[in-house]
N, C-alpha and C. Protein backbone atom coordinates (compact mmCIF):
# COMPACT_ATOMS: atom_id res chain seq x y z
N MET A 1 0.79 -1.02 0.43
CA MET A 1 0.49 -0.15 -0.30
C MET A 1 0.48 1.50 -0.11
N GLN A 2 0.60 1.71 -1.02
CA GLN A 2 1.90 3.39 -1.23
C GLN A 2 0.81 4.37 -0.91
N ILE A 3 1.68 5.09 0.02
CA ILE A 3 0.88 6.65 0.37
C ILE A 3 0.92 7.86 -0.34
N THR A 4 0.14 7.89 -1.10
CA THR A 4 0.40 9.28 -2.28
C THR A 4 0.46 10.95 -1.73
N GLU A 5 1.05 11.66 -2.31
CA GLU A 5 1.30 13.07 -2.11
C GLU A 5 -0.11 13.71 -1.41
N HIS A 6 -1.06 13.80 -2.19
CA HIS A 6 -2.60 14.10 -2.09
C HIS A 6 -2.58 13.22 0.28
N GLY A 7 -2.59 11.89 -0.03
CA GLY A 7 -2.94 10.85 0.82
C GLY A 7 -2.12 11.62 2.28
N ILE A 8 -0.38 12.21 1.98
CA ILE A 8 0.37 12.76 2.82
C ILE A 8 -0.50 14.19 3.54
N HIS A 9 -0.96 14.90 2.17
CA HIS A 9 -0.74 16.14 2.45
C HIS A 9 -2.61 16.57 3.50
N GLU A 10 -3.30 15.02 3.53
CA GLU A 10 -4.86 15.54 3.93
C GLU A 10 -4.36 14.92 5.37
N ILE A 11 -3.58 13.69 5.35
CA ILE A 11 -2.80 13.62 7.03
C ILE A 11 -2.35 14.35 7.64
N PHE A 12 -1.63 15.78 6.71
CA PHE A 12 -0.50 16.86 7.39
C PHE A 12 -2.05 17.86 8.13
N ARG A 13 -3.47 17.67 6.75
CA ARG A 13 -4.07 18.73 7.66
C ARG A 13 -5.12 18.35 8.75
N ILE A 14 -5.44 17.17 8.39
CA ILE A 14 -6.10 17.04 9.78
C ILE A 14 -5.49 17.01 11.14
N SER A 15 -4.11 16.49 10.99
CA SER A 15 -2.88 16.33 11.77
C SER A 15 -3.06 18.08 12.67
N VAL A 16 -3.02 19.02 11.37
CA VAL A 16 -2.97 20.29 11.83
C VAL A 16 -4.16 20.31 12.80
N ILE A 17 -5.26 20.67 12.09
CA ILE A 17 -6.81 20.77 12.88
C ILE A 17 -6.45 19.66 13.99
N LEU A 18 -6.43 18.51 14.20
CA LEU A 18 -6.33 18.30 15.61
C LEU A 18 -5.61 18.96 16.30
N LYS A 19 -4.32 19.40 15.53
CA LYS A 19 -3.40 20.74 16.88
C LYS A 19 -3.99 22.08 17.47
N GLY A 20 -4.94 22.22 16.58
CA GLY A 20 -5.83 23.61 16.52
C GLY A 20 -6.97 23.12 18.10
N LEU A 21 -7.85 22.32 17.50
CA LEU A 21 -8.73 21.56 18.39
C LEU A 21 -8.09 21.53 20.02
N HIS A 22 -6.65 21.13 19.70
CA HIS A 22 -5.97 20.77 21.25
C HIS A 22 -5.47 22.43 21.53
N ALA A 23 -5.42 23.32 20.77
CA ALA A 23 -4.86 24.30 20.80
C ALA A 23 -6.66 25.21 21.60
N LEU A 24 -6.92 25.42 20.78
CA LEU A 24 -8.83 25.93 21.62
C LEU A 24 -9.02 24.95 23.02
N ILE A 25 -8.39 23.96 23.02
CA ILE A 25 -9.15 23.14 24.63
C ILE A 25 -7.91 23.77 25.87
N GLU A 26 -6.87 23.66 25.06
CA GLU A 26 -5.78 24.68 26.04
C GLU A 26 -5.90 26.02 26.42
N ILE A 27 -6.57 26.95 25.41
CA ILE A 27 -6.88 28.14 25.97
C ILE A 27 -8.35 28.16 26.52
N ALA A 28 -9.32 27.27 26.64
CA ALA A 28 -10.36 27.03 27.19
C ALA A 28 -9.86 26.56 28.70
N GLY A 29 -8.81 25.55 29.18
CA GLY A 29 -8.51 25.28 30.06
C GLY A 29 -7.28 26.64 30.31
N GLY A 30 -7.11 27.48 29.54
CA GLY A 30 -5.76 28.39 30.69
C GLY A 30 -7.16 29.49 31.22
N LEU A 31 -8.15 29.44 30.49
CA LEU A 31 -9.16 30.44 30.78
C LEU A 31 -9.53 30.20 32.03
N ALA A 32 -10.04 29.19 32.26
CA ALA A 32 -10.85 28.74 33.11
C ALA A 32 -9.66 28.97 34.72
N PHE A 33 -8.28 28.53 34.46
CA PHE A 33 -8.04 28.17 35.68
C PHE A 33 -7.71 29.92 36.22
N TYR A 34 -7.60 30.75 34.89
CA TYR A 34 -7.26 31.86 35.10
C TYR A 34 -8.57 32.74 36.37
N PHE A 35 -9.63 31.76 35.65
CA PHE A 35 -11.02 32.73 36.43
C PHE A 35 -11.34 32.11 37.27
N ILE A 36 -11.45 30.85 37.61
CA ILE A 36 -11.70 29.99 38.68
C ILE A 36 -10.54 29.42 39.70
N SER A 37 -11.38 29.74 40.40
CA SER A 37 -10.31 29.69 42.14
C SER A 37 -10.52 28.45 42.31
N SER A 38 -9.16 28.29 42.97
CA SER A 38 -8.44 26.79 43.49
C SER A 38 -9.60 25.83 44.09
N GLN A 39 -10.15 26.77 44.96
CA GLN A 39 -10.94 26.08 46.10
C GLN A 39 -12.18 25.49 44.96
N THR A 40 -13.13 26.41 43.96
CA THR A 40 -13.65 25.68 43.39
C THR A 40 -13.19 24.30 42.55
N VAL A 41 -12.38 24.38 41.93
CA VAL A 41 -11.63 23.02 41.58
C VAL A 41 -11.60 22.18 42.45
N LEU A 42 -11.00 22.27 43.11
CA LEU A 42 -10.69 21.18 44.26
C LEU A 42 -12.41 20.65 44.51
N ASN A 43 -13.02 21.82 44.88
CA ASN A 43 -14.81 21.16 45.29
C ASN A 43 -15.32 20.13 44.27
N TRP A 44 -15.18 21.07 42.93
CA TRP A 44 -15.53 20.04 41.50
C TRP A 44 -14.37 18.89 41.18
N VAL A 45 -13.76 19.03 41.78
CA VAL A 45 -12.66 17.33 41.51
C VAL A 45 -12.86 16.32 42.97
N ASN A 46 -14.00 17.25 44.04
CA ASN A 46 -13.70 15.84 45.08
C ASN A 46 -15.82 15.31 44.94
N VAL A 47 -16.31 15.85 44.03
CA VAL A 47 -17.86 15.87 43.50
C VAL A 47 -17.11 14.76 42.70
N LEU A 48 -16.34 14.91 41.50
CA LEU A 48 -16.81 13.72 39.96
C LEU A 48 -15.62 12.68 40.88
N THR A 49 -14.63 12.70 41.62
CA THR A 49 -13.84 11.53 42.06
C THR A 49 -14.53 10.89 43.21
N ARG A 50 -15.50 11.69 43.93
CA ARG A 50 -15.92 10.81 44.99
C ARG A 50 -16.34 9.45 45.14
N ALA A 51 -17.36 9.63 44.38
CA ALA A 51 -17.60 7.68 44.10
C ALA A 51 -17.12 6.69 43.66
N GLU A 52 -16.05 6.87 42.67
CA GLU A 52 -15.09 6.07 42.28
C GLU A 52 -14.10 5.92 44.05
N LEU A 53 -13.74 7.02 44.61
CA LEU A 53 -12.65 6.78 45.46
C LEU A 53 -13.41 5.52 46.52
N VAL A 54 -14.35 5.66 46.84
CA VAL A 54 -14.95 5.09 47.70
C VAL A 54 -15.01 3.71 47.05
N GLU A 55 -15.74 3.77 45.87
CA GLU A 55 -15.91 2.37 45.13
C GLU A 55 -13.99 1.54 45.05
N ASP A 56 -13.48 2.66 44.82
CA ASP A 56 -11.98 2.04 44.84
C ASP A 56 -10.85 3.31 45.01
N PRO A 57 -10.78 3.22 46.53
CA PRO A 57 -9.52 4.13 47.60
C PRO A 57 -8.26 4.66 46.70
N ARG A 58 -7.66 3.47 46.16
CA ARG A 58 -6.76 3.55 45.17
C ARG A 58 -6.70 3.72 43.58
N ASP A 59 -7.97 4.12 42.63
CA ASP A 59 -8.14 4.22 41.50
C ASP A 59 -6.68 5.52 41.30
N LEU A 60 -6.41 4.97 40.06
CA LEU A 60 -4.85 5.73 39.69
C LEU A 60 -5.51 6.99 39.00
N VAL A 61 -6.77 7.35 38.23
CA VAL A 61 -6.55 8.64 37.86
C VAL A 61 -7.59 9.53 38.53
N ALA A 62 -8.45 8.88 39.75
CA ALA A 62 -9.29 9.37 40.90
C ALA A 62 -8.04 10.21 41.30
N THR A 63 -7.49 9.28 41.65
CA THR A 63 -6.17 10.01 43.29
C THR A 63 -5.26 10.84 42.59
N HIS A 64 -4.85 10.65 41.75
CA HIS A 64 -3.93 11.80 40.49
C HIS A 64 -5.14 13.17 40.46
N LEU A 65 -6.22 13.09 40.39
CA LEU A 65 -6.61 14.57 39.97
C LEU A 65 -6.84 15.29 41.93
N LEU A 66 -6.87 14.15 42.23
CA LEU A 66 -7.29 14.39 43.55
C LEU A 66 -6.02 15.20 43.92
N ALA A 67 -5.17 14.78 44.11
CA ALA A 67 -3.88 15.26 44.63
C ALA A 67 -3.22 16.19 44.04
N ALA A 68 -3.53 16.15 42.59
CA ALA A 68 -3.39 17.58 41.66
C ALA A 68 -3.98 18.79 42.02
N ALA A 69 -5.44 18.73 42.31
CA ALA A 69 -6.74 19.95 43.08
C ALA A 69 -6.04 19.95 44.73
N GLN A 70 -5.49 19.16 44.93
CA GLN A 70 -4.96 19.89 46.62
C GLN A 70 -3.67 20.12 46.15
N GLY A 71 -2.87 20.16 45.49
CA GLY A 71 -1.69 20.78 45.47
C GLY A 71 -1.95 21.88 44.67
N LEU A 72 -2.93 22.11 44.24
CA LEU A 72 -2.97 24.11 43.33
C LEU A 72 -3.29 25.30 44.12
N THR A 73 -1.83 25.49 43.68
CA THR A 73 -1.72 27.09 45.08
C THR A 73 -2.39 28.18 43.72
N GLY A 74 -1.99 29.41 44.25
CA GLY A 74 -2.28 30.13 43.65
C GLY A 74 -1.39 30.70 42.83
N SER A 75 0.33 30.59 42.91
CA SER A 75 1.34 30.15 42.10
C SER A 75 0.90 29.35 40.79
N THR A 76 0.90 28.57 41.94
CA THR A 76 0.42 26.94 40.30
C THR A 76 -0.56 27.40 39.45
N GLN A 77 -2.00 27.62 40.16
CA GLN A 77 -2.68 28.16 39.22
C GLN A 77 -2.54 28.90 38.46
N SER A 78 -1.71 30.56 38.64
CA SER A 78 -1.17 31.28 37.49
C SER A 78 -0.15 31.09 36.71
N PHE A 79 0.60 29.78 36.67
CA PHE A 79 1.69 29.51 36.11
C PHE A 79 0.50 28.63 35.37
N TYR A 80 -0.33 27.93 35.01
CA TYR A 80 -1.47 26.72 34.14
C TYR A 80 -2.15 27.95 33.40
N ALA A 81 -2.36 28.87 33.85
CA ALA A 81 -3.07 29.59 33.50
C ALA A 81 -2.76 30.01 32.36
N PHE A 82 -1.15 30.92 32.74
CA PHE A 82 -0.20 31.42 31.36
C PHE A 82 0.46 30.59 30.58
N TYR A 83 0.51 29.23 30.94
CA TYR A 83 1.26 28.56 30.17
C TYR A 83 0.45 27.65 29.07
N LEU A 84 -0.56 27.52 29.49
CA LEU A 84 -1.99 26.94 28.58
C LEU A 84 -2.69 27.94 27.62
N LEU A 85 -2.56 29.15 28.47
CA LEU A 85 -3.24 30.23 27.59
C LEU A 85 -1.96 31.07 26.29
N SER A 86 -0.73 31.06 26.65
CA SER A 86 0.72 31.56 25.35
C SER A 86 0.63 30.35 25.05
N HIS A 87 0.46 29.21 25.08
CA HIS A 87 1.08 27.88 24.59
C HIS A 87 -0.25 27.84 23.23
N GLY A 88 -1.73 27.57 23.89
CA GLY A 88 -3.17 27.78 22.97
C GLY A 88 -2.46 28.56 21.89
N LEU A 89 -2.72 30.18 22.55
CA LEU A 89 -2.80 30.94 21.28
C LEU A 89 -1.57 30.89 20.34
N ILE A 90 -0.24 30.40 20.73
CA ILE A 90 0.51 30.27 19.89
C ILE A 90 0.63 29.50 19.10
N LYS A 91 0.22 28.39 19.35
CA LYS A 91 -0.42 27.25 18.29
C LYS A 91 -1.33 27.88 17.19
N ILE A 92 -2.47 28.17 17.83
CA ILE A 92 -3.88 28.87 16.96
C ILE A 92 -2.91 29.49 15.85
N VAL A 93 -2.21 30.89 15.87
CA VAL A 93 -2.12 31.23 15.07
C VAL A 93 -0.60 30.69 13.70
N LEU A 94 0.00 29.64 14.60
CA LEU A 94 0.64 28.41 13.76
C LEU A 94 -0.10 28.08 12.65
N VAL A 95 -1.19 27.69 13.28
CA VAL A 95 -2.26 26.57 12.69
C VAL A 95 -2.50 27.10 11.54
N ILE A 96 -3.09 28.24 11.89
CA ILE A 96 -3.70 29.18 10.97
C ILE A 96 -3.05 29.40 9.73
N GLY A 97 -1.84 29.62 10.26
CA GLY A 97 -0.83 30.21 9.00
C GLY A 97 -0.20 28.53 8.33
N LEU A 98 0.12 27.84 8.44
CA LEU A 98 -0.30 26.94 8.46
C LEU A 98 -1.67 26.47 7.03
N LEU A 99 -2.87 26.26 7.60
CA LEU A 99 -3.85 26.05 6.92
C LEU A 99 -3.45 26.82 5.86
N ARG A 100 -3.45 28.37 5.88
CA ARG A 100 -3.46 29.14 4.82
C ARG A 100 -2.41 29.48 4.30
N GLU A 101 -1.62 27.94 4.14
CA GLU A 101 -0.21 27.84 3.23
C GLU A 101 1.02 29.28 3.43
N ARG A 102 0.66 29.88 4.40
CA ARG A 102 2.05 30.65 5.05
C ARG A 102 3.28 30.38 4.83
N LEU A 103 4.09 30.51 4.34
CA LEU A 103 5.52 30.18 4.03
C LEU A 103 5.98 30.39 5.48
N ILE A 104 6.12 30.99 6.27
CA ILE A 104 6.85 31.94 7.53
C ILE A 104 6.09 30.53 8.65
N ALA A 105 5.00 30.47 8.49
CA ALA A 105 4.53 29.72 9.56
C ALA A 105 5.03 28.01 9.46
N TYR A 106 5.62 27.24 8.78
CA TYR A 106 6.99 26.51 8.56
C TYR A 106 7.63 26.83 9.28
N PRO A 107 8.75 27.13 9.03
CA PRO A 107 10.15 27.37 10.11
C PRO A 107 9.45 27.52 11.15
N ALA A 108 8.52 28.50 11.37
CA ALA A 108 7.72 28.95 12.95
C ALA A 108 7.52 28.28 13.50
N SER A 109 6.75 27.08 13.15
CA SER A 109 5.74 25.70 13.64
C SER A 109 6.89 24.99 13.89
N LEU A 110 7.99 24.60 13.41
CA LEU A 110 9.19 24.05 13.62
C LEU A 110 9.75 23.94 14.83
N ALA A 111 10.09 25.52 15.23
CA ALA A 111 10.36 25.73 16.01
C ALA A 111 9.59 25.91 17.08
N ALA A 112 8.64 26.45 17.06
CA ALA A 112 7.70 25.97 17.60
C ALA A 112 7.39 24.95 18.74
N MET A 113 7.48 24.00 17.74
CA MET A 113 6.94 22.34 18.63
C MET A 113 8.38 21.51 19.07
N ALA A 114 9.64 22.80 18.57
CA ALA A 114 10.66 21.81 18.81
C ALA A 114 11.14 22.38 20.13
N ALA A 115 10.58 23.38 20.17
CA ALA A 115 10.40 23.96 21.85
C ALA A 115 9.68 23.32 22.64
N PHE A 116 8.20 23.33 22.17
CA PHE A 116 7.49 22.55 23.30
C PHE A 116 8.15 20.87 23.87
N ILE A 117 8.87 20.29 23.08
CA ILE A 117 8.55 18.92 22.63
C ILE A 117 9.55 19.33 23.64
N ALA A 118 10.89 20.14 23.83
CA ALA A 118 12.05 20.06 24.77
C ALA A 118 11.68 20.66 26.66
N TYR A 119 10.25 21.10 26.16
CA TYR A 119 9.53 21.62 27.48
C TYR A 119 8.87 20.08 27.78
N GLN A 120 8.60 19.46 27.04
CA GLN A 120 7.32 18.23 27.67
C GLN A 120 8.60 17.32 27.41
N LEU A 121 9.42 17.02 27.19
CA LEU A 121 10.74 16.04 27.79
C LEU A 121 11.23 16.40 29.19
N TYR A 122 11.38 17.83 29.31
CA TYR A 122 11.82 18.39 31.09
C TYR A 122 10.57 18.12 31.62
N ARG A 123 9.30 18.24 31.05
CA ARG A 123 8.73 17.84 32.54
C ARG A 123 8.36 16.80 32.82
N TYR A 124 8.83 15.72 31.41
CA TYR A 124 8.64 14.12 31.89
C TYR A 124 9.38 13.80 32.58
N THR A 125 10.91 13.71 32.76
CA THR A 125 11.80 13.64 33.98
C THR A 125 11.11 14.31 35.46
N TYR A 126 10.64 14.91 35.46
CA TYR A 126 10.00 14.74 36.82
C TYR A 126 8.46 13.86 36.80
N THR A 127 8.11 14.20 36.02
CA THR A 127 6.09 13.34 35.61
C THR A 127 6.33 12.17 35.32
N GLN A 128 7.20 12.05 34.86
CA GLN A 128 6.83 10.08 34.12
C GLN A 128 5.27 9.84 33.41
N SER A 129 5.09 11.27 32.74
CA SER A 129 3.67 11.37 32.78
C SER A 129 3.27 10.48 30.97
N PHE A 130 2.51 9.57 30.81
CA PHE A 130 2.55 8.73 29.75
C PHE A 130 2.13 9.78 28.63
N GLY A 131 1.41 10.46 28.81
CA GLY A 131 0.33 11.79 28.38
C GLY A 131 1.43 12.59 27.26
N LEU A 132 2.69 12.78 28.27
CA LEU A 132 3.35 13.96 27.76
C LEU A 132 4.10 12.86 26.42
N ILE A 133 4.44 12.18 27.02
CA ILE A 133 4.89 11.01 25.99
C ILE A 133 4.86 10.71 24.46
N VAL A 134 3.04 10.72 24.90
CA VAL A 134 1.46 10.68 23.43
C VAL A 134 2.33 12.05 22.40
N LEU A 135 2.37 12.76 23.14
CA LEU A 135 1.92 14.25 23.32
C LEU A 135 3.59 14.61 22.22
N THR A 136 4.17 14.28 22.94
CA THR A 136 5.45 14.47 22.02
C THR A 136 5.82 13.61 20.99
N VAL A 137 4.96 12.43 20.71
CA VAL A 137 5.36 11.71 19.33
C VAL A 137 4.46 11.73 18.53
N PHE A 138 3.20 12.66 18.92
CA PHE A 138 2.51 12.93 18.11
C PHE A 138 3.00 14.74 17.43
N ASP A 139 3.76 14.91 17.99
CA ASP A 139 4.51 16.61 17.88
C ASP A 139 5.39 15.99 17.33
N LEU A 140 6.33 15.21 17.09
CA LEU A 140 7.40 15.03 16.25
C LEU A 140 6.58 14.11 14.73
N ILE A 141 5.13 13.37 14.91
CA ILE A 141 4.64 13.23 13.51
C ILE A 141 4.41 14.54 12.82
N VAL A 142 3.75 15.34 13.61
CA VAL A 142 3.35 16.61 13.05
C VAL A 142 4.34 17.18 12.21
N MET A 143 5.76 17.19 12.93
CA MET A 143 7.04 17.95 12.49
C MET A 143 7.57 17.30 11.24
N VAL A 144 7.56 16.14 11.14
CA VAL A 144 8.10 15.34 9.90
C VAL A 144 7.11 16.09 9.11
N LEU A 145 5.79 15.97 9.15
CA LEU A 145 4.61 16.07 8.38
C LEU A 145 4.95 17.86 7.47
N VAL A 146 4.56 18.86 8.74
CA VAL A 146 5.06 20.22 8.34
C VAL A 146 6.33 20.62 7.29
N TRP A 147 7.46 19.66 7.60
CA TRP A 147 8.39 19.59 7.27
C TRP A 147 8.20 19.00 5.59
N HIS A 148 7.73 18.12 5.86
CA HIS A 148 7.07 17.63 4.18
C HIS A 148 6.75 18.69 3.55
N GLU A 149 5.56 19.41 4.15
CA GLU A 149 4.64 19.98 2.72
C GLU A 149 5.37 21.82 3.08
N TRP A 150 6.30 21.60 4.14
CA TRP A 150 7.42 23.26 3.98
C TRP A 150 8.07 22.55 2.29
N ARG A 151 8.64 21.15 2.28
CA ARG A 151 10.10 21.30 1.41
C ARG A 151 8.91 21.25 -0.59
N LEU A 152 7.82 20.88 -0.28
CA LEU A 152 6.86 20.56 -0.82
C LEU A 152 6.57 22.47 -1.99
N LEU A 153 5.75 22.84 -0.80
CA LEU A 153 5.81 24.28 -0.94
C LEU A 153 6.70 24.72 -1.50
N ARG A 154 7.69 25.19 -1.13
CA ARG A 154 9.23 25.50 -1.54
C ARG A 154 9.52 25.38 -2.65
N LYS A 155 8.91 23.98 -3.54
CA LYS A 155 9.98 23.71 -4.42
C LYS A 155 8.69 23.85 -5.58
N HIS A 156 7.33 24.54 -5.14
CA HIS A 156 6.69 24.56 -6.16
C HIS A 156 6.59 26.30 -6.51
N LEU A 157 7.36 26.97 -5.61
CA LEU A 157 7.24 28.55 -5.39
C LEU A 157 8.08 29.05 -6.72
N PRO A 158 7.67 30.28 -7.52
CA PRO A 158 8.66 30.78 -8.89
C PRO A 158 9.54 31.32 -8.44
N VAL A 159 10.70 31.05 -9.07
CA VAL A 159 11.61 31.27 -9.26
C VAL A 159 11.90 32.58 -9.50
N ASP A 160 12.66 33.47 -8.54
CA ASP A 160 12.84 35.10 -8.77
C ASP A 160 13.83 35.10 -9.68
């Protein structure tokens, strides 16, 4: 089974759209961290995890969510708000540029994703979060697709 250039382009578009959707979720999360108090977050997590923790007090997801909510301070909440908003806004701008085939968006996206990957790997050394590895692998795949599309786009540009 051979993948055509059109197929690769469609995979690129879908992956960029997924990155855009992820960016919107990050922006929403950043706004939530900015506007919702840490006590409210803790109350919501308590409500969401109570039944599961009664059934299984060692439930992996519920205990991690509860621990994260309990460790949420004003400064960590501000950091998460800033991180999610800035990360999401940068990605939205790059996604729009990529979907509109703006040449500057390709190298800018590669640089931004490389920086995000470096930070994700740094964070992984502290958290050992499987989700960070999944996100990093997805980012690497998108980087390869962006590189491929950028190469094709430059190849078809008129020579000055």
